[in-house]
PDB file of N, CA and C in Angstrom:
ATOM      1  N   UNK A   1     -11.945 -11.364 -25.969  1.00  0.00           N
ATOM      2  CA  UNK A   1     -12.190 -12.755 -26.240  1.00  0.00           C
ATOM      3  C   UNK A   1     -11.504 -13.643 -25.201  1.00  0.00           C
ATOM      4  N   UNK A   2     -10.266 -13.285 -24.844  1.00  0.00           N
ATOM      5  CA  UNK A   2      -9.528 -14.049 -23.837  1.00  0.00           C
ATOM      6  C   UNK A   2     -10.251 -14.002 -22.495  1.00  0.00           C
ATOM      7  N   UNK A   3     -10.820 -12.836 -22.175  1.00  0.00           N
ATOM      8  CA  UNK A   3     -11.563 -12.684 -20.933  1.00  0.00           C
ATOM      9  C   UNK A   3     -12.776 -13.614 -20.915  1.00  0.00           C
ATOM     10  N   UNK A   4     -13.443 -13.747 -22.038  1.00  0.00           N
ATOM     11  CA  UNK A   4     -14.605 -14.622 -22.149  1.00  0.00           C
ATOM     12  C   UNK A   4     -14.218 -16.083 -21.929  1.00  0.00           C
ATOM     13  N   UNK A   5     -13.111 -16.488 -22.494  1.00  0.00           N
ATOM     14  CA  UNK A   5     -12.630 -17.864 -22.321  1.00  0.00           C
ATOM     15  C   UNK A   5     -12.297 -18.119 -20.859  1.00  0.00           C
ATOM     16  N   UNK A   6     -11.630 -17.163 -20.236  1.00  0.00           N
ATOM     17  CA  UNK A   6     -11.261 -17.309 -18.821  1.00  0.00           C
ATOM     18  C   UNK A   6     -12.509 -17.406 -17.952  1.00  0.00           C
ATOM     19  N   UNK A   7     -13.484 -16.555 -18.196  1.00  0.00           N
ATOM     20  CA  UNK A   7     -14.728 -16.592 -17.425  1.00  0.00           C
ATOM     21  C   UNK A   7     -15.443 -17.930 -17.589  1.00  0.00           C
ATOM     22  N   UNK A   8     -15.458 -18.457 -18.805  1.00  0.00           N
ATOM     23  CA  UNK A   8     -16.112 -19.735 -19.059  1.00  0.00           C
ATOM     24  C   UNK A   8     -15.409 -20.868 -18.315  1.00  0.00           C
ATOM     25  N   UNK A   9     -14.080 -20.860 -18.366  1.00  0.00           N
ATOM     26  CA  UNK A   9     -13.311 -21.918 -17.679  1.00  0.00           C
ATOM     27  C   UNK A   9     -13.485 -21.839 -16.160  1.00  0.00           C
ATOM     28  N   UNK A  10     -13.512 -20.632 -15.641  1.00  0.00           N
ATOM     29  CA  UNK A  10     -13.725 -20.459 -14.195  1.00  0.00           C
ATOM     30  C   UNK A  10     -15.114 -20.969 -13.822  1.00  0.00           C
ATOM     31  N   UNK A  11     -16.105 -20.643 -14.628  1.00  0.00           N
ATOM     32  CA  UNK A  11     -17.466 -21.118 -14.384  1.00  0.00           C
ATOM     33  C   UNK A  11     -17.551 -22.639 -14.389  1.00  0.00           C
ATOM     34  N   UNK A  12     -16.866 -23.268 -15.329  1.00  0.00           N
ATOM     35  CA  UNK A  12     -16.844 -24.734 -15.396  1.00  0.00           C
ATOM     36  C   UNK A  12     -16.179 -25.330 -14.158  1.00  0.00           C
ATOM     37  N   UNK A  13     -15.081 -24.734 -13.740  1.00  0.00           N
ATOM     38  CA  UNK A  13     -14.360 -25.229 -12.558  1.00  0.00           C
ATOM     39  C   UNK A  13     -15.223 -25.109 -11.308  1.00  0.00           C
ATOM     40  N   UNK A  14     -15.946 -24.012 -11.181  1.00  0.00           N
ATOM     41  CA  UNK A  14     -16.838 -23.824 -10.030  1.00  0.00           C
ATOM     42  C   UNK A  14     -17.940 -24.881 -10.066  1.00  0.00           C
ATOM     43  N   UNK A  15     -18.517 -25.075 -11.241  1.00  0.00           N
ATOM     44  CA  UNK A  15     -19.611 -26.051 -11.381  1.00  0.00           C
ATOM     45  C   UNK A  15     -19.142 -27.470 -11.061  1.00  0.00           C
ATOM     46  N   UNK A  16     -17.899 -27.790 -11.387  1.00  0.00           N
ATOM     47  CA  UNK A  16     -17.346 -29.130 -11.135  1.00  0.00           C
ATOM     48  C   UNK A  16     -16.803 -29.288  -9.719  1.00  0.00           C
ATOM     49  N   UNK A  17     -16.824 -28.196  -8.930  1.00  0.00           N
ATOM     50  CA  UNK A  17     -16.335 -28.271  -7.558  1.00  0.00           C
ATOM     51  C   UNK A  17     -14.821 -28.245  -7.446  1.00  0.00           C
ATOM     52  N   UNK A  18     -14.148 -27.887  -8.532  1.00  0.00           N
ATOM     53  CA  UNK A  18     -12.686 -27.877  -8.535  1.00  0.00           C
ATOM     54  C   UNK A  18     -12.092 -26.759  -7.677  1.00  0.00           C
ATOM     55  N   UNK A  19     -12.903 -25.764  -7.356  1.00  0.00           N
ATOM     56  CA  UNK A  19     -12.400 -24.633  -6.570  1.00  0.00           C
ATOM     57  C   UNK A  19     -12.857 -24.692  -5.119  1.00  0.00           C
ATOM     58  N   UNK A  20     -13.474 -25.784  -4.728  1.00  0.00           N
ATOM     59  CA  UNK A  20     -13.914 -25.961  -3.346  1.00  0.00           C
ATOM     60  C   UNK A  20     -12.719 -26.314  -2.460  1.00  0.00           C
ATOM     61  N   UNK A  21     -12.743 -25.832  -1.233  1.00  0.00           N
ATOM     62  CA  UNK A  21     -11.738 -26.172  -0.211  1.00  0.00           C
ATOM     63  C   UNK A  21     -10.306 -25.813  -0.613  1.00  0.00           C
ATOM     64  N   UNK A  22     -10.145 -24.720  -1.290  1.00  0.00           N
ATOM     65  CA  UNK A  22      -8.795 -24.272  -1.628  1.00  0.00           C
ATOM     66  C   UNK A  22      -8.146 -23.639  -0.404  1.00  0.00           C
ATOM     67  N   UNK A  23      -6.815 -23.698  -0.277  1.00  0.00           N
ATOM     68  CA  UNK A  23      -6.147 -23.036   0.849  1.00  0.00           C
ATOM     69  C   UNK A  23      -6.443 -21.530   0.807  1.00  0.00           C
ATOM     70  N   UNK A  24      -6.781 -20.981   1.949  1.00  0.00           N
ATOM     71  CA  UNK A  24      -7.067 -19.548   2.036  1.00  0.00           C
ATOM     72  C   UNK A  24      -8.483 -19.189   1.641  1.00  0.00           C
ATOM     73  N   UNK A  25      -9.337 -20.185   1.413  1.00  0.00           N
ATOM     74  CA  UNK A  25     -10.723 -19.898   1.025  1.00  0.00           C
ATOM     75  C   UNK A  25     -11.408 -19.083   2.111  1.00  0.00           C
ATOM     76  N   UNK A  26     -12.113 -18.048   1.704  1.00  0.00           N
ATOM     77  CA  UNK A  26     -12.836 -17.200   2.638  1.00  0.00           C
ATOM     78  C   UNK A  26     -11.991 -16.117   3.283  1.00  0.00           C
ATOM     79  N   UNK A  27     -10.703 -16.097   2.980  1.00  0.00           N
ATOM     80  CA  UNK A  27      -9.809 -15.074   3.539  1.00  0.00           C
ATOM     81  C   UNK A  27      -9.541 -14.019   2.473  1.00  0.00           C
ATOM     82  N   UNK A  28      -9.281 -12.772   2.886  1.00  0.00           N
ATOM     83  CA  UNK A  28      -8.996 -11.731   1.890  1.00  0.00           C
ATOM     84  C   UNK A  28      -7.683 -12.008   1.162  1.00  0.00           C
ATOM     85  N   UNK A  29      -7.627 -11.584  -0.077  1.00  0.00           N
ATOM     86  CA  UNK A  29      -6.399 -11.722  -0.852  1.00  0.00           C
ATOM     87  C   UNK A  29      -5.354 -10.746  -0.336  1.00  0.00           C
ATOM     88  N   UNK A  30      -4.121 -11.157  -0.349  1.00  0.00           N
ATOM     89  CA  UNK A  30      -3.026 -10.270   0.046  1.00  0.00           C
ATOM     90  C   UNK A  30      -2.412  -9.683  -1.222  1.00  0.00           C
ATOM     91  N   UNK A  31      -2.918  -8.525  -1.592  1.00  0.00           N
ATOM     92  CA  UNK A  31      -2.432  -7.847  -2.790  1.00  0.00           C
ATOM     93  C   UNK A  31      -1.502  -6.720  -2.365  1.00  0.00           C
ATOM     94  N   UNK A  32      -0.221  -7.024  -2.266  1.00  0.00           N
ATOM     95  CA  UNK A  32       0.730  -6.012  -1.810  1.00  0.00           C
ATOM     96  C   UNK A  32       1.453  -5.324  -2.960  1.00  0.00           C
ATOM     97  N   UNK A  33       1.052  -5.629  -4.182  1.00  0.00           N
ATOM     98  CA  UNK A  33       1.655  -4.941  -5.317  1.00  0.00           C
ATOM     99  C   UNK A  33       1.124  -3.524  -5.388  1.00  0.00           C
ATOM    100  N   UNK A  34       2.002  -2.594  -5.668  1.00  0.00           N
ATOM    101  CA  UNK A  34       1.613  -1.197  -5.792  1.00  0.00           C
ATOM    102  C   UNK A  34       1.042  -0.982  -7.192  1.00  0.00           C
ATOM    103  N   UNK A  35      -0.217  -0.568  -7.293  1.00  0.00           N
ATOM    104  CA  UNK A  35      -0.806  -0.381  -8.619  1.00  0.00           C
ATOM    105  C   UNK A  35      -0.156   0.750  -9.412  1.00  0.00           C
ATOM    106  N   UNK A  36       0.620   1.599  -8.743  1.00  0.00           N
ATOM    107  CA  UNK A  36       1.288   2.690  -9.446  1.00  0.00           C
ATOM    108  C   UNK A  36       2.606   2.254 -10.082  1.00  0.00           C
ATOM    109  N   UNK A  37       3.074   1.058  -9.718  1.00  0.00           N
ATOM    110  CA  UNK A  37       4.300   0.518 -10.310  1.00  0.00           C
ATOM    111  C   UNK A  37       3.920  -0.115 -11.641  1.00  0.00           C
ATOM    112  N   UNK A  38       4.633   0.213 -12.711  1.00  0.00           N
ATOM    113  CA  UNK A  38       4.319  -0.393 -14.008  1.00  0.00           C
ATOM    114  C   UNK A  38       4.336  -1.922 -13.918  1.00  0.00           C
ATOM    115  N   UNK A  39       3.423  -2.550 -14.641  1.00  0.00           N
ATOM    116  CA  UNK A  39       3.252  -3.999 -14.557  1.00  0.00           C
ATOM    117  C   UNK A  39       4.544  -4.758 -14.831  1.00  0.00           C
ATOM    118  N   UNK A  40       5.352  -4.268 -15.760  1.00  0.00           N
ATOM    119  CA  UNK A  40       6.586  -4.982 -16.108  1.00  0.00           C
ATOM    120  C   UNK A  40       7.651  -4.894 -15.008  1.00  0.00           C
ATOM    121  N   UNK A  41       7.465  -4.001 -14.025  1.00  0.00           N
ATOM    122  CA  UNK A  41       8.432  -3.869 -12.931  1.00  0.00           C
ATOM    123  C   UNK A  41       7.962  -4.517 -11.631  1.00  0.00           C
ATOM    124  N   UNK A  42       6.714  -4.931 -11.555  1.00  0.00           N
ATOM    125  CA  UNK A  42       6.146  -5.431 -10.292  1.00  0.00           C
ATOM    126  C   UNK A  42       6.872  -6.657  -9.764  1.00  0.00           C
ATOM    127  N   UNK A  43       7.190  -7.602 -10.632  1.00  0.00           N
ATOM    128  CA  UNK A  43       7.882  -8.809 -10.181  1.00  0.00           C
ATOM    129  C   UNK A  43       9.254  -8.448  -9.605  1.00  0.00           C
ATOM    130  N   UNK A  44       9.979  -7.593 -10.300  1.00  0.00           N
ATOM    131  CA  UNK A  44      11.302  -7.186  -9.818  1.00  0.00           C
ATOM    132  C   UNK A  44      11.187  -6.469  -8.471  1.00  0.00           C
ATOM    133  N   UNK A  45      10.206  -5.582  -8.339  1.00  0.00           N
ATOM    134  CA  UNK A  45      10.017  -4.869  -7.075  1.00  0.00           C
ATOM    135  C   UNK A  45       9.653  -5.828  -5.947  1.00  0.00           C
ATOM    136  N   UNK A  46       8.831  -6.840  -6.256  1.00  0.00           N
ATOM    137  CA  UNK A  46       8.450  -7.804  -5.231  1.00  0.00           C
ATOM    138  C   UNK A  46       9.680  -8.600  -4.772  1.00  0.00           C
ATOM    139  N   UNK A  47      10.528  -8.985  -5.710  1.00  0.00           N
ATOM    140  CA  UNK A  47      11.752  -9.720  -5.355  1.00  0.00           C
ATOM    141  C   UNK A  47      12.648  -8.847  -4.483  1.00  0.00           C
ATOM    142  N   UNK A  48      12.815  -7.589  -4.865  1.00  0.00           N
ATOM    143  CA  UNK A  48      13.637  -6.672  -4.074  1.00  0.00           C
ATOM    144  C   UNK A  48      13.037  -6.465  -2.685  1.00  0.00           C
ATOM    145  N   UNK A  49      11.717  -6.327  -2.620  1.00  0.00           N
ATOM    146  CA  UNK A  49      11.053  -6.122  -1.332  1.00  0.00           C
ATOM    147  C   UNK A  49      11.256  -7.332  -0.428  1.00  0.00           C
ATOM    148  N   UNK A  50      11.101  -8.533  -0.988  1.00  0.00           N
ATOM    149  CA  UNK A  50      11.286  -9.756  -0.209  1.00  0.00           C
ATOM    150  C   UNK A  50      12.726  -9.914   0.274  1.00  0.00           C
ATOM    151  N   UNK A  51      13.661  -9.316  -0.448  1.00  0.00           N
ATOM    152  CA  UNK A  51      15.074  -9.367  -0.063  1.00  0.00           C
ATOM    153  C   UNK A  51      15.426  -8.254   0.928  1.00  0.00           C
ATOM    154  N   UNK A  52      14.449  -7.396   1.243  1.00  0.00           N
ATOM    155  CA  UNK A  52      14.699  -6.324   2.203  1.00  0.00           C
ATOM    156  C   UNK A  52      15.281  -5.062   1.589  1.00  0.00           C
ATOM    157  N   UNK A  53      15.301  -4.981   0.273  1.00  0.00           N
ATOM    158  CA  UNK A  53      15.854  -3.821  -0.418  1.00  0.00           C
ATOM    159  C   UNK A  53      14.743  -2.821  -0.707  1.00  0.00           C
ATOM    160  N   UNK A  54      15.022  -1.549  -0.477  1.00  0.00           N
ATOM    161  CA  UNK A  54      14.075  -0.486  -0.785  1.00  0.00           C
ATOM    162  C   UNK A  54      14.683   0.355  -1.905  1.00  0.00           C
ATOM    163  N   UNK A  55      13.984   0.512  -3.031  1.00  0.00           N
ATOM    164  CA  UNK A  55      14.513   1.336  -4.122  1.00  0.00           C
ATOM    165  C   UNK A  55      14.775   2.762  -3.652  1.00  0.00           C
ATOM    166  N   UNK A  56      15.816   3.393  -4.187  1.00  0.00           N
ATOM    167  CA  UNK A  56      16.176   4.755  -3.756  1.00  0.00           C
ATOM    168  C   UNK A  56      15.031   5.756  -3.858  1.00  0.00           C
ATOM    169  N   UNK A  57      14.216   5.653  -4.911  1.00  0.00           N
ATOM    170  CA  UNK A  57      13.132   6.627  -5.065  1.00  0.00           C
ATOM    171  C   UNK A  57      12.084   6.468  -3.963  1.00  0.00           C
ATOM    172  N   UNK A  58      11.879   5.253  -3.489  1.00  0.00           N
ATOM    173  CA  UNK A  58      10.940   5.019  -2.397  1.00  0.00           C
ATOM    174  C   UNK A  58      11.534   5.530  -1.086  1.00  0.00           C
ATOM    175  N   UNK A  59      12.810   5.293  -0.884  1.00  0.00           N
ATOM    176  CA  UNK A  59      13.485   5.786   0.318  1.00  0.00           C
ATOM    177  C   UNK A  59      13.445   7.314   0.360  1.00  0.00           C
ATOM    178  N   UNK A  60      13.601   7.953  -0.800  1.00  0.00           N
ATOM    179  CA  UNK A  60      13.539   9.419  -0.874  1.00  0.00           C
ATOM    180  C   UNK A  60      12.135   9.912  -0.529  1.00  0.00           C
ATOM    181  N   UNK A  61      11.111   9.242  -1.047  1.00  0.00           N
ATOM    182  CA  UNK A  61       9.733   9.620  -0.710  1.00  0.00           C
ATOM    183  C   UNK A  61       9.490   9.495   0.782  1.00  0.00           C
ATOM    184  N   UNK A  62      10.021   8.439   1.372  1.00  0.00           N
ATOM    185  CA  UNK A  62       9.851   8.214   2.808  1.00  0.00           C
ATOM    186  C   UNK A  62      10.505   9.339   3.606  1.00  0.00           C
ATOM    187  N   UNK A  63      11.744   9.681   3.262  1.00  0.00           N
ATOM    188  CA  UNK A  63      12.436  10.729   4.019  1.00  0.00           C
ATOM    189  C   UNK A  63      11.781  12.090   3.787  1.00  0.00           C
ATOM    190  N   UNK A  64      11.283  12.338   2.580  1.00  0.00           N
ATOM    191  CA  UNK A  64      10.566  13.590   2.306  1.00  0.00           C
ATOM    192  C   UNK A  64       9.309  13.663   3.155  1.00  0.00           C
ATOM    193  N   UNK A  65       8.586  12.555   3.255  1.00  0.00           N
ATOM    194  CA  UNK A  65       7.367  12.513   4.063  1.00  0.00           C
ATOM    195  C   UNK A  65       7.655  12.767   5.525  1.00  0.00           C
ATOM    196  N   UNK A  66       8.746  12.204   6.021  1.00  0.00           N
ATOM    197  CA  UNK A  66       9.122  12.403   7.426  1.00  0.00           C
ATOM    198  C   UNK A  66       9.459  13.870   7.667  1.00  0.00           C
ATOM    199  N   UNK A  67      10.194  14.475   6.743  1.00  0.00           N
ATOM    200  CA  UNK A  67      10.535  15.901   6.896  1.00  0.00           C
ATOM    201  C   UNK A  67       9.269  16.764   6.915  1.00  0.00           C
ATOM    202  N   UNK A  68       8.317  16.459   6.032  1.00  0.00           N
ATOM    203  CA  UNK A  68       7.079  17.234   5.991  1.00  0.00           C
ATOM    204  C   UNK A  68       6.295  17.073   7.294  1.00  0.00           C
ATOM    205  N   UNK A  69       6.253  15.862   7.809  1.00  0.00           N
ATOM    206  CA  UNK A  69       5.546  15.631   9.070  1.00  0.00           C
ATOM    207  C   UNK A  69       6.192  16.380  10.227  1.00  0.00           C
ATOM    208  N   UNK A  70       7.513  16.384  10.281  1.00  0.00           N
ATOM    209  CA  UNK A  70       8.212  17.102  11.349  1.00  0.00           C
ATOM    210  C   UNK A  70       7.953  18.603  11.269  1.00  0.00           C
ATOM    211  N   UNK A  71       7.964  19.140  10.048  1.00  0.00           N
ATOM    212  CA  UNK A  71       7.679  20.565   9.858  1.00  0.00           C
ATOM    213  C   UNK A  71       6.253  20.892  10.286  1.00  0.00           C
ATOM    214  N   UNK A  72       5.306  20.049   9.896  1.00  0.00           N
ATOM    215  CA  UNK A  72       3.918  20.258  10.285  1.00  0.00           C
ATOM    216  C   UNK A  72       3.754  20.192  11.802  1.00  0.00           C
ATOM    217  N   UNK A  73       4.404  19.217  12.421  1.00  0.00           N
ATOM    218  CA  UNK A  73       4.347  19.087  13.879  1.00  0.00           C
ATOM    219  C   UNK A  73       4.903  20.331  14.557  1.00  0.00           C
ATOM    220  N   UNK A  74       5.977  20.862  14.021  1.00  0.00           N
ATOM    221  CA  UNK A  74       6.592  22.062  14.591  1.00  0.00           C
ATOM    222  C   UNK A  74       5.655  23.264  14.459  1.00  0.00           C
ATOM    223  N   UNK A  75       5.019  23.412  13.286  1.00  0.00           N
ATOM    224  CA  UNK A  75       4.090  24.528  13.079  1.00  0.00           C
ATOM    225  C   UNK A  75       2.896  24.427  14.016  1.00  0.00           C
ATOM    226  N   UNK A  76       2.333  23.246  14.121  1.00  0.00           N
ATOM    227  CA  UNK A  76       1.175  23.058  15.005  1.00  0.00           C
ATOM    228  C   UNK A  76       1.564  23.328  16.452  1.00  0.00           C
ATOM    229  N   UNK A  77       2.725  22.810  16.856  1.00  0.00           N
ATOM    230  CA  UNK A  77       3.198  23.008  18.219  1.00  0.00           C
ATOM    231  C   UNK A  77       3.422  24.467  18.547  1.00  0.00           C
ATOM    232  N   UNK A  78       4.009  25.213  17.626  1.00  0.00           N
ATOM    233  CA  UNK A  78       4.278  26.623  17.904  1.00  0.00           C
ATOM    234  C   UNK A  78       2.980  27.428  17.971  1.00  0.00           C
ATOM    235  N   UNK A  79       2.002  27.099  17.130  1.00  0.00           N
ATOM    236  CA  UNK A  79       0.707  27.795  17.188  1.00  0.00           C
ATOM    237  C   UNK A  79      -0.009  27.488  18.493  1.00  0.00           C
ATOM    238  N   UNK A  80       0.016  26.228  18.889  1.00  0.00           N
ATOM    239  CA  UNK A  80      -0.631  25.831  20.142  1.00  0.00           C
ATOM    240  C   UNK A  80       0.046  26.522  21.317  1.00  0.00           C
ATOM    241  N   UNK A  81       1.368  26.533  21.327  1.00  0.00           N
ATOM    242  CA  UNK A  81       2.134  27.160  22.398  1.00  0.00           C
ATOM    243  C   UNK A  81       1.794  28.646  22.490  1.00  0.00           C
ATOM    244  N   UNK A  82       1.691  29.325  21.330  1.00  0.00           N
ATOM    245  CA  UNK A  82       1.350  30.748  21.314  1.00  0.00           C
ATOM    246  C   UNK A  82      -0.027  31.003  21.905  1.00  0.00           C
ATOM    247  N   UNK A  83      -0.997  30.158  21.549  1.00  0.00           N
ATOM    248  CA  UNK A  83      -2.351  30.304  22.085  1.00  0.00           C
ATOM    249  C   UNK A  83      -2.375  30.111  23.591  1.00  0.00           C
ATOM    250  N   UNK A  84      -1.641  29.134  24.080  1.00  0.00           N
ATOM    251  CA  UNK A  84      -1.593  28.880  25.524  1.00  0.00           C
ATOM    252  C   UNK A  84      -0.981  30.059  26.251  1.00  0.00           C
ATOM    253  N   UNK A  85       0.093  30.628  25.732  1.00  0.00           N
ATOM    254  CA  UNK A  85       0.752  31.771  26.353  1.00  0.00           C
ATOM    255  C   UNK A  85      -0.204  32.972  26.394  1.00  0.00           C
ATOM    256  N   UNK A  86      -0.935  33.197  25.288  1.00  0.00           N
ATOM    257  CA  UNK A  86      -1.882  34.326  25.257  1.00  0.00           C
ATOM    258  C   UNK A  86      -2.978  34.136  26.300  1.00  0.00           C
ATOM    259  N   UNK A  87      -3.492  32.928  26.430  1.00  0.00           N
ATOM    260  CA  UNK A  87      -4.564  32.674  27.398  1.00  0.00           C
ATOM    261  C   UNK A  87      -4.045  32.793  28.816  1.00  0.00           C
ATOM    262  N   UNK A  88      -2.846  32.385  29.071  1.00  0.00           N
ATOM    263  CA  UNK A  88      -2.275  32.483  30.410  1.00  0.00           C
ATOM    264  C   UNK A  88      -1.976  33.926  30.773  1.00  0.00           C
ATOM    265  N   UNK A  89      -1.681  34.749  29.768  1.00  0.00           N
ATOM    266  CA  UNK A  89      -1.354  36.139  29.997  1.00  0.00           C
ATOM    267  C   UNK A  89      -2.555  37.016  30.287  1.00  0.00           C
ATOM    268  N   UNK A  90      -3.756  36.519  30.098  1.00  0.00           N
ATOM    269  CA  UNK A  90      -4.975  37.335  30.328  1.00  0.00           C
ATOM    270  C   UNK A  90      -5.194  37.580  31.748  1.00  0.00           C
TER     271      UNK A  90
END
């Protein structure tokens, strides 16, 4: 029911021209909220992000990702190096 009321009010505002020439019209929305963060924590996370603070669990995910990338790079590099050595040895 609330959704219906909101849709009706938005429709009225559009019809009356109240939404014409708004700042940012025609530009994409900047939705930087993480949809995986519970709704009740999003405001707090946004405040922390704007203050330059990174929650420990996010920092841990970042460092884990970096470690995985380095390991993958090492594996790919060693396989490539082995193939090159075999081809040069022929």
